[in-house]
Amino acid sequence: SPGDKGIAARVEEVGIEEERGYSKLVKPQVVDLTSPTQVRITRYLNNAENYIDNKRLKEAGDELVSAEALDQGSPRIMFVRAELLVAGQELQKALDMLDAFSRRVTSQDDIEKGEKLRSSIRIKLQTTKENLKTAIAKAEADSDYVTAMASAEQGVGFDPQDLDFLLHAGTDAVVVRRTADAQKWLNQY
């Protein structure tokens, strides 16, 4: 059932085991941070982080694109990309980026840095999901299915894997006669 904590814990455990197994296959990369290319990447990353701090997300994204042009698979870039996604409220995408980051890092410091950001994202994600689910329940209790549909649709956009959002988006879409959307969401459910 949606929200089953036992299932969620097991899924998380399997994900962690998969990350650990994969990271054991990855050989630690020694990156010369003083090389001209790495210095340029560091500058782009510092600029991106400063833009993120100043809520200038487009400029931060541009800096990351420049860094990625120099080293597409860099875990350092992935981490800052995850921070940018958090700043843009794309929390599920940020978690996906952190998954990729976790598969590439081997140092304990990098692992801990990733887990700290992951914890912060999960709390934000949980709070936002709870607020949306409360809004859906209230709107449905008030028979305001247009508002319930809008909140459920926002929830699906926020976390397209959340079964509660998919179920409510699908059933509320049926009520407001958006059958194509209802079919899509209920099939995903």
Protein backbone atom coordinates (compact mmCIF):
# COMPACT_ATOMS: atom_id res chain seq x y z
CA SER A 1 0.00 0.00 0.00
CA PRO A 2 1.18 3.58 -0.55
CA GLY A 3 3.18 4.86 2.38
CA ASP A 4 4.05 1.42 3.80
CA LYS A 5 7.14 2.20 5.89
CA GLY A 6 8.34 -1.40 5.90
CA ILE A 7 8.39 -1.56 2.11
CA ALA A 8 9.97 1.89 1.87
CA ALA A 9 12.72 0.85 4.31
CA ARG A 10 13.44 -2.32 2.34
CA VAL A 11 13.58 -0.39 -0.96
CA GLU A 12 16.00 2.07 0.63
CA GLU A 13 18.13 -0.78 1.99
CA VAL A 14 18.34 -2.42 -1.44
CA GLY A 15 19.33 0.92 -2.96
CA ILE A 16 22.09 1.39 -0.41
CA GLU A 17 23.38 -2.13 -1.02
CA GLU A 18 23.37 -1.49 -4.76
CA GLU A 19 25.32 1.78 -4.29
CA ARG A 20 27.85 0.07 -2.00
CA GLY A 21 28.30 -2.82 -4.41
CA TYR A 22 28.78 -0.51 -7.35
CA SER A 23 31.17 1.80 -5.49
CA LYS A 24 33.36 -1.22 -4.65
CA LEU A 25 33.78 -1.78 -8.38
CA VAL A 26 34.82 1.82 -8.92
CA LYS A 27 38.51 2.38 -8.53
CA PRO A 28 39.36 5.48 -6.51
CA GLN A 29 40.33 8.20 -8.93
CA VAL A 30 43.15 10.46 -8.02
CA VAL A 31 42.34 13.83 -9.52
CA ASP A 32 45.09 16.41 -9.70
CA LEU A 33 43.15 19.46 -8.53
CA THR A 34 46.08 21.67 -9.55
CA SER A 35 45.92 20.72 -13.23
CA PRO A 36 44.67 23.57 -15.45
CA THR A 37 41.48 21.69 -16.34
CA GLN A 38 40.65 20.91 -12.72
CA VAL A 39 41.39 24.49 -11.64
CA ARG A 40 38.93 25.71 -14.28
CA ILE A 41 36.34 23.18 -13.06
CA THR A 42 36.87 24.33 -9.47
CA ARG A 43 36.31 27.93 -10.52
CA TYR A 44 33.13 27.04 -12.39
CA LEU A 45 31.90 25.08 -9.36
CA ASN A 46 32.70 27.92 -6.97
CA ASN A 47 30.87 30.35 -9.25
CA ALA A 48 27.89 27.99 -9.46
CA GLU A 49 27.70 27.63 -5.68
CA ASN A 50 27.86 31.41 -5.24
CA TYR A 51 25.11 31.88 -7.82
CA ILE A 52 23.00 29.27 -5.99
CA ASP A 53 23.54 31.13 -2.72
CA ASN A 54 22.34 34.32 -4.43
CA LYS A 55 19.30 32.59 -5.98
CA ARG A 56 20.63 33.12 -9.51
CA LEU A 57 19.88 29.61 -10.65
CA LYS A 58 20.17 30.14 -14.41
CA GLU A 59 23.70 31.49 -14.05
CA ALA A 60 24.57 28.58 -11.75
CA GLY A 61 23.29 26.17 -14.37
CA ASP A 62 25.39 27.87 -17.05
CA GLU A 63 28.52 27.50 -14.90
CA LEU A 64 27.79 23.80 -14.41
CA VAL A 65 27.35 23.30 -18.15
CA SER A 66 30.80 24.84 -18.64
CA ALA A 67 32.28 22.53 -16.00
CA GLU A 68 30.56 19.48 -17.49
CA ALA A 69 32.05 20.31 -20.88
CA LEU A 70 35.47 19.72 -19.28
CA ASP A 71 34.63 16.56 -17.30
CA GLN A 72 31.22 15.00 -17.89
CA GLY A 73 31.38 12.33 -15.15
CA SER A 74 32.95 14.35 -12.35
CA PRO A 75 31.42 13.60 -8.94
CA ARG A 76 32.30 17.15 -7.86
CA ILE A 77 30.09 18.52 -10.63
CA MET A 78 27.32 16.02 -9.84
CA PHE A 79 27.25 17.18 -6.23
CA VAL A 80 26.89 20.86 -7.14
CA ARG A 81 24.29 19.90 -9.78
CA ALA A 82 22.32 18.22 -6.97
CA GLU A 83 22.58 21.42 -4.91
CA LEU A 84 21.25 23.40 -7.88
CA LEU A 85 18.34 21.00 -8.28
CA VAL A 86 17.51 21.43 -4.58
CA ALA A 87 17.57 25.21 -4.97
CA GLY A 88 15.20 24.86 -7.93
CA GLN A 89 12.86 22.65 -5.85
CA GLU A 90 13.51 19.64 -8.10
CA LEU A 91 14.05 17.41 -5.11
CA GLN A 92 13.43 14.02 -6.74
CA LYS A 93 15.89 14.86 -9.53
CA ALA A 94 18.38 15.98 -6.88
CA LEU A 95 18.08 12.58 -5.18
CA ASP A 96 18.62 10.87 -8.53
CA MET A 97 21.75 12.98 -9.07
CA LEU A 98 22.99 12.06 -5.59
CA ASP A 99 22.47 8.39 -6.45
CA ALA A 100 24.81 8.84 -9.42
CA PHE A 101 27.24 10.77 -7.19
CA SER A 102 27.20 8.00 -4.57
CA ARG A 103 28.07 5.38 -7.17
CA ARG A 104 31.20 7.28 -8.18
CA VAL A 105 32.74 8.34 -4.88
CA THR A 106 34.83 6.17 -2.62
CA SER A 107 36.19 8.51 0.06
CA GLN A 108 34.44 8.60 3.41
CA ASP A 109 34.30 12.42 3.30
CA ASP A 110 32.49 12.39 -0.06
CA ILE A 111 30.11 9.67 1.11
CA GLU A 112 29.26 11.65 4.25
CA LYS A 113 28.84 14.88 2.27
CA GLY A 114 26.40 13.11 -0.05
CA GLU A 115 24.46 11.57 2.82
CA LYS A 116 24.16 14.93 4.58
CA LEU A 117 22.67 16.53 1.47
CA ARG A 118 20.45 13.48 0.91
CA SER A 119 19.06 13.80 4.45
CA SER A 120 18.28 17.48 3.91
CA ILE A 121 16.53 16.70 0.62
CA ARG A 122 14.49 13.87 2.11
CA ILE A 123 13.22 16.09 4.91
CA LYS A 124 12.21 18.80 2.41
CA LEU A 125 10.65 16.19 0.16
CA GLN A 126 8.71 14.64 3.04
CA THR A 127 7.45 18.03 4.27
CA THR A 128 6.34 19.11 0.81
CA LYS A 129 4.64 15.78 0.15
CA GLU A 130 2.82 15.91 3.49
CA ASN A 131 1.61 19.45 2.76
CA LEU A 132 0.33 18.44 -0.69
CA LYS A 133 -1.36 15.30 0.66
CA THR A 134 -3.07 17.37 3.37
CA ALA A 135 -4.29 19.82 0.72
CA ILE A 136 -5.63 16.95 -1.41
CA ALA A 137 -7.45 15.38 1.55
CA LYS A 138 -8.99 18.73 2.57
CA ALA A 139 -10.10 19.54 -0.97
CA GLU A 140 -11.63 16.08 -1.42
CA ALA A 141 -13.40 16.34 1.95
CA ASP A 142 -14.82 19.69 0.81
CA SER A 143 -15.83 18.09 -2.54
CA ASP A 144 -13.58 20.59 -4.29
CA TYR A 145 -12.25 18.14 -6.85
CA VAL A 146 -10.79 20.80 -9.12
CA THR A 147 -8.48 21.93 -6.30
CA ALA A 148 -7.81 18.33 -5.28
CA MET A 149 -6.92 17.53 -8.88
CA ALA A 150 -4.57 20.54 -9.08
CA SER A 151 -2.80 19.52 -5.85
CA ALA A 152 -2.54 15.89 -6.94
CA GLU A 153 -1.20 16.96 -10.33
CA GLN A 154 1.36 19.16 -8.59
CA GLY A 155 2.29 16.17 -6.43
CA VAL A 156 2.79 13.94 -9.48
CA GLY A 157 5.00 16.62 -11.00
CA PHE A 158 6.91 16.83 -7.74
CA ASP A 159 7.32 13.07 -7.27
CA PRO A 160 6.13 11.02 -10.23
CA GLN A 161 6.81 7.77 -8.33
CA ASP A 162 4.55 8.53 -5.34
CA LEU A 163 1.62 6.12 -5.42
CA ASP A 164 -0.68 8.37 -3.36
CA PHE A 165 -0.25 11.25 -5.80
CA LEU A 166 -0.80 8.95 -8.79
CA LEU A 167 -3.93 7.43 -7.24
CA HIS A 168 -5.50 10.77 -6.29
CA ALA A 169 -4.52 12.40 -9.57
CA GLY A 170 -6.15 9.51 -11.43
CA THR A 171 -9.34 9.34 -9.39
CA ASP A 172 -9.76 13.12 -9.19
CA ALA A 173 -9.19 13.35 -12.94
CA VAL A 174 -12.07 10.89 -13.42
CA VAL A 175 -14.34 13.10 -11.30
CA VAL A 176 -13.47 16.27 -13.26
CA ARG A 177 -13.73 14.29 -16.53
CA ARG A 178 -10.14 14.48 -17.65
CA THR A 179 -10.23 10.89 -18.82
CA ALA A 180 -6.97 10.87 -20.79
CA ASP A 181 -5.06 12.15 -17.75
CA ALA A 182 -6.95 9.75 -15.48
CA GLN A 183 -6.02 6.79 -17.64
CA LYS A 184 -2.36 7.86 -17.77
CA TRP A 185 -2.03 8.31 -13.99
CA LEU A 186 -4.00 5.22 -13.05
CA ASN A 187 -1.89 3.14 -15.47
CA GLN A 188 1.25 4.52 -13.80
CA TYR A 189 -0.25 3.68 -10.42
